[in-house]
Amino acid sequence: MYVVTKRLTQWGSKELGDKGLTPIEILRYFYGDDMYINIAPEISGIPSSWPGYVLEIGSSGEKVRQIQEQLNVIAGAYPAIPKITADGIYGSKTAESVRKFQEVFQLPQTGKVDYSTWYKISEIYVGVSRIAELT
């Protein structure tokens, strides 16, 4: 039979923190020195926030490249969305890919990446690229 003699409580852990213990030391205080702590490398590939302006034909830069790259990943799972060159230049092919994405995901088909399209692309990208899953 296993009996827990110490309980992790908000107040107990705060008190230990106030005494200068690190988070790992606090965990080991409650759970023992033989616990294994795995440290993962920095997470990459997480979509960044909407730039605050609409991406459309004539736009260029890293935000355009990011959307192009994400659309290409999404196109792997949704072949109706055409793949495009991720060159950071928002041209007619990028607009068409965005328009098809908007059609597939029931957004207004403007061919422009506004706030709602940006975050829908981010949401679908996270899902199809599986960056949100622990493996």
C-alpha atoms as a PDB file:
ATOM      1  CA  MET A   1       0.000   0.000   0.000  1.00  0.00           C
ATOM      2  CA  TYR A   2       1.307   3.463  -0.962  1.00  0.00           C
ATOM      3  CA  VAL A   3       0.696   6.370   1.414  1.00  0.00           C
ATOM      4  CA  VAL A   4       1.397   9.985   0.515  1.00  0.00           C
ATOM      5  CA  THR A   5       2.705  11.799   3.561  1.00  0.00           C
ATOM      6  CA  LYS A   6       3.237  15.207   1.944  1.00  0.00           C
ATOM      7  CA  ARG A   7       0.793  17.109  -0.192  1.00  0.00           C
ATOM      8  CA  LEU A   8       1.628  19.728  -2.769  1.00  0.00           C
ATOM      9  CA  THR A   9      -0.388  22.783  -1.831  1.00  0.00           C
ATOM     10  CA  GLN A  10      -0.395  26.313  -3.081  1.00  0.00           C
ATOM     11  CA  TRP A  11       0.676  27.595   0.297  1.00  0.00           C
ATOM     12  CA  GLY A  12       3.374  25.039   0.934  1.00  0.00           C
ATOM     13  CA  SER A  13       5.016  25.539  -2.440  1.00  0.00           C
ATOM     14  CA  LYS A  14       4.840  29.326  -2.136  1.00  0.00           C
ATOM     15  CA  GLU A  15       6.551  29.157   1.252  1.00  0.00           C
ATOM     16  CA  LEU A  16       9.354  27.067  -0.225  1.00  0.00           C
ATOM     17  CA  GLY A  17       9.683  29.529  -3.094  1.00  0.00           C
ATOM     18  CA  ASP A  18       9.899  32.377  -0.621  1.00  0.00           C
ATOM     19  CA  LYS A  19      12.789  30.514   1.008  1.00  0.00           C
ATOM     20  CA  GLY A  20      14.626  30.587  -2.316  1.00  0.00           C
ATOM     21  CA  LEU A  21      13.989  27.061  -3.620  1.00  0.00           C
ATOM     22  CA  THR A  22      13.774  26.715  -7.387  1.00  0.00           C
ATOM     23  CA  PRO A  23      10.684  25.133  -8.997  1.00  0.00           C
ATOM     24  CA  ILE A  24      12.610  21.877  -9.512  1.00  0.00           C
ATOM     25  CA  GLU A  25      13.753  21.860  -5.881  1.00  0.00           C
ATOM     26  CA  ILE A  26      10.141  22.390  -4.766  1.00  0.00           C
ATOM     27  CA  LEU A  27       8.958  19.465  -6.902  1.00  0.00           C
ATOM     28  CA  ARG A  28      11.707  17.265  -5.504  1.00  0.00           C
ATOM     29  CA  TYR A  29      10.795  18.318  -1.963  1.00  0.00           C
ATOM     30  CA  PHE A  30       7.267  16.990  -2.499  1.00  0.00           C
ATOM     31  CA  TYR A  31       7.986  14.050  -4.822  1.00  0.00           C
ATOM     32  CA  GLY A  32      11.507  12.916  -3.936  1.00  0.00           C
ATOM     33  CA  ASP A  33      14.985  13.179  -5.399  1.00  0.00           C
ATOM     34  CA  ASP A  34      14.570  10.237  -7.747  1.00  0.00           C
ATOM     35  CA  MET A  35      12.071  11.981 -10.033  1.00  0.00           C
ATOM     36  CA  TYR A  36      13.090  12.401 -13.656  1.00  0.00           C
ATOM     37  CA  ILE A  37      12.753  15.826 -15.239  1.00  0.00           C
ATOM     38  CA  ASN A  38      12.929  15.999 -18.984  1.00  0.00           C
ATOM     39  CA  ILE A  39      13.887  19.280 -20.618  1.00  0.00           C
ATOM     40  CA  ALA A  40      12.791  19.824 -24.208  1.00  0.00           C
ATOM     41  CA  PRO A  41      14.586  22.021 -26.720  1.00  0.00           C
ATOM     42  CA  GLU A  42      12.992  25.333 -27.622  1.00  0.00           C
ATOM     43  CA  ILE A  43       9.741  24.905 -29.517  1.00  0.00           C
ATOM     44  CA  SER A  44       9.841  26.053 -33.116  1.00  0.00           C
ATOM     45  CA  GLY A  45       7.243  26.463 -35.813  1.00  0.00           C
ATOM     46  CA  ILE A  46       4.628  28.129 -33.656  1.00  0.00           C
ATOM     47  CA  PRO A  47       2.712  30.679 -35.695  1.00  0.00           C
ATOM     48  CA  SER A  48       3.239  34.308 -34.749  1.00  0.00           C
ATOM     49  CA  SER A  49       0.563  36.912 -34.193  1.00  0.00           C
ATOM     50  CA  TRP A  50      -1.350  38.755 -36.883  1.00  0.00           C
ATOM     51  CA  PRO A  51       0.800  41.638 -38.142  1.00  0.00           C
ATOM     52  CA  GLY A  52      -1.968  44.214 -37.654  1.00  0.00           C
ATOM     53  CA  TYR A  53      -2.554  44.892 -41.345  1.00  0.00           C
ATOM     54  CA  VAL A  54      -4.137  43.016 -44.237  1.00  0.00           C
ATOM     55  CA  LEU A  55      -1.820  40.997 -46.466  1.00  0.00           C
ATOM     56  CA  GLU A  56      -2.822  41.365 -50.104  1.00  0.00           C
ATOM     57  CA  ILE A  57      -1.418  41.581 -53.621  1.00  0.00           C
ATOM     58  CA  GLY A  58       1.635  43.850 -53.427  1.00  0.00           C
ATOM     59  CA  SER A  59       2.468  42.966 -49.801  1.00  0.00           C
ATOM     60  CA  SER A  60       5.870  41.464 -49.100  1.00  0.00           C
ATOM     61  CA  GLY A  61       8.125  40.376 -46.276  1.00  0.00           C
ATOM     62  CA  GLU A  62       8.431  37.732 -43.580  1.00  0.00           C
ATOM     63  CA  LYS A  63       4.722  37.717 -42.690  1.00  0.00           C
ATOM     64  CA  VAL A  64       3.853  36.943 -46.311  1.00  0.00           C
ATOM     65  CA  ARG A  65       6.487  34.191 -46.408  1.00  0.00           C
ATOM     66  CA  GLN A  66       5.102  32.747 -43.177  1.00  0.00           C
ATOM     67  CA  ILE A  67       1.573  32.585 -44.594  1.00  0.00           C
ATOM     68  CA  GLN A  68       2.871  31.050 -47.827  1.00  0.00           C
ATOM     69  CA  GLU A  69       4.780  28.371 -45.912  1.00  0.00           C
ATOM     70  CA  GLN A  70       1.793  27.605 -43.704  1.00  0.00           C
ATOM     71  CA  LEU A  71      -0.550  27.397 -46.695  1.00  0.00           C
ATOM     72  CA  ASN A  72       1.830  24.919 -48.334  1.00  0.00           C
ATOM     73  CA  VAL A  73       1.777  22.702 -45.230  1.00  0.00           C
ATOM     74  CA  ILE A  74      -2.023  22.947 -45.118  1.00  0.00           C
ATOM     75  CA  ALA A  75      -2.197  22.100 -48.847  1.00  0.00           C
ATOM     76  CA  GLY A  76      -0.567  18.760 -48.037  1.00  0.00           C
ATOM     77  CA  ALA A  77      -3.678  17.820 -46.052  1.00  0.00           C
ATOM     78  CA  TYR A  78      -6.152  19.775 -48.206  1.00  0.00           C
ATOM     79  CA  PRO A  79      -5.087  19.234 -51.832  1.00  0.00           C
ATOM     80  CA  ALA A  80      -7.781  21.595 -53.165  1.00  0.00           C
ATOM     81  CA  ILE A  81      -5.598  24.443 -51.875  1.00  0.00           C
ATOM     82  CA  PRO A  82      -2.860  25.133 -54.429  1.00  0.00           C
ATOM     83  CA  LYS A  83       0.762  25.119 -53.274  1.00  0.00           C
ATOM     84  CA  ILE A  84       2.721  28.279 -53.944  1.00  0.00           C
ATOM     85  CA  THR A  85       6.296  29.530 -53.925  1.00  0.00           C
ATOM     86  CA  ALA A  86       7.213  30.808 -50.467  1.00  0.00           C
ATOM     87  CA  ASP A  87       9.123  33.865 -51.659  1.00  0.00           C
ATOM     88  CA  GLY A  88       7.622  36.530 -49.405  1.00  0.00           C
ATOM     89  CA  ILE A  89       5.885  38.283 -52.301  1.00  0.00           C
ATOM     90  CA  TYR A  90       2.079  38.343 -52.259  1.00  0.00           C
ATOM     91  CA  GLY A  91       1.119  37.885 -55.881  1.00  0.00           C
ATOM     92  CA  SER A  92      -1.852  36.456 -57.755  1.00  0.00           C
ATOM     93  CA  LYS A  93      -0.933  32.835 -56.975  1.00  0.00           C
ATOM     94  CA  THR A  94      -0.794  33.566 -53.246  1.00  0.00           C
ATOM     95  CA  ALA A  95      -4.140  35.377 -53.502  1.00  0.00           C
ATOM     96  CA  GLU A  96      -5.656  32.355 -55.282  1.00  0.00           C
ATOM     97  CA  SER A  97      -4.312  29.962 -52.644  1.00  0.00           C
ATOM     98  CA  VAL A  98      -5.750  32.185 -49.903  1.00  0.00           C
ATOM     99  CA  ARG A  99      -9.080  32.411 -51.754  1.00  0.00           C
ATOM    100  CA  LYS A 100      -9.295  28.623 -52.013  1.00  0.00           C
ATOM    101  CA  PHE A 101      -8.370  28.283 -48.324  1.00  0.00           C
ATOM    102  CA  GLN A 102     -11.145  30.739 -47.474  1.00  0.00           C
ATOM    103  CA  GLU A 103     -13.602  28.737 -49.580  1.00  0.00           C
ATOM    104  CA  VAL A 104     -12.656  25.421 -47.947  1.00  0.00           C
ATOM    105  CA  PHE A 105     -12.938  26.882 -44.439  1.00  0.00           C
ATOM    106  CA  GLN A 106     -16.067  28.953 -45.124  1.00  0.00           C
ATOM    107  CA  LEU A 107     -14.567  32.416 -44.812  1.00  0.00           C
ATOM    108  CA  PRO A 108     -15.353  35.379 -47.095  1.00  0.00           C
ATOM    109  CA  GLN A 109     -13.419  34.693 -50.317  1.00  0.00           C
ATOM    110  CA  THR A 110     -11.435  37.907 -50.669  1.00  0.00           C
ATOM    111  CA  GLY A 111      -8.011  36.442 -51.442  1.00  0.00           C
ATOM    112  CA  LYS A 112      -6.654  38.720 -48.705  1.00  0.00           C
ATOM    113  CA  VAL A 113      -5.294  37.687 -45.322  1.00  0.00           C
ATOM    114  CA  ASP A 114      -7.186  39.722 -42.770  1.00  0.00           C
ATOM    115  CA  TYR A 115      -7.415  39.071 -39.026  1.00  0.00           C
ATOM    116  CA  SER A 116      -9.919  36.186 -39.260  1.00  0.00           C
ATOM    117  CA  THR A 117      -8.132  34.516 -42.182  1.00  0.00           C
ATOM    118  CA  TRP A 118      -4.741  34.855 -40.450  1.00  0.00           C
ATOM    119  CA  TYR A 119      -5.941  33.068 -37.332  1.00  0.00           C
ATOM    120  CA  LYS A 120      -7.840  30.396 -39.269  1.00  0.00           C
ATOM    121  CA  ILE A 121      -4.674  29.645 -41.239  1.00  0.00           C
ATOM    122  CA  SER A 122      -2.736  29.493 -37.945  1.00  0.00           C
ATOM    123  CA  GLU A 123      -5.337  27.190 -36.380  1.00  0.00           C
ATOM    124  CA  ILE A 124      -5.386  24.778 -39.314  1.00  0.00           C
ATOM    125  CA  TYR A 125      -1.594  24.885 -39.656  1.00  0.00           C
ATOM    126  CA  VAL A 126      -1.138  23.886 -36.013  1.00  0.00           C
ATOM    127  CA  GLY A 127      -3.590  21.020 -36.517  1.00  0.00           C
ATOM    128  CA  VAL A 128      -2.123  19.593 -39.697  1.00  0.00           C
ATOM    129  CA  SER A 129       1.521  20.104 -38.732  1.00  0.00           C
ATOM    130  CA  ARG A 130       0.870  18.480 -35.334  1.00  0.00           C
ATOM    131  CA  ILE A 131       3.074  21.014 -33.524  1.00  0.00           C
ATOM    132  CA  ALA A 132       0.504  21.176 -30.752  1.00  0.00           C
ATOM    133  CA  GLU A 133       0.800  17.469 -29.913  1.00  0.00           C
ATOM    134  CA  LEU A 134       3.219  15.890 -27.505  1.00  0.00           C
ATOM    135  CA  THR A 135       4.866  12.808 -28.926  1.00  0.00           C
END
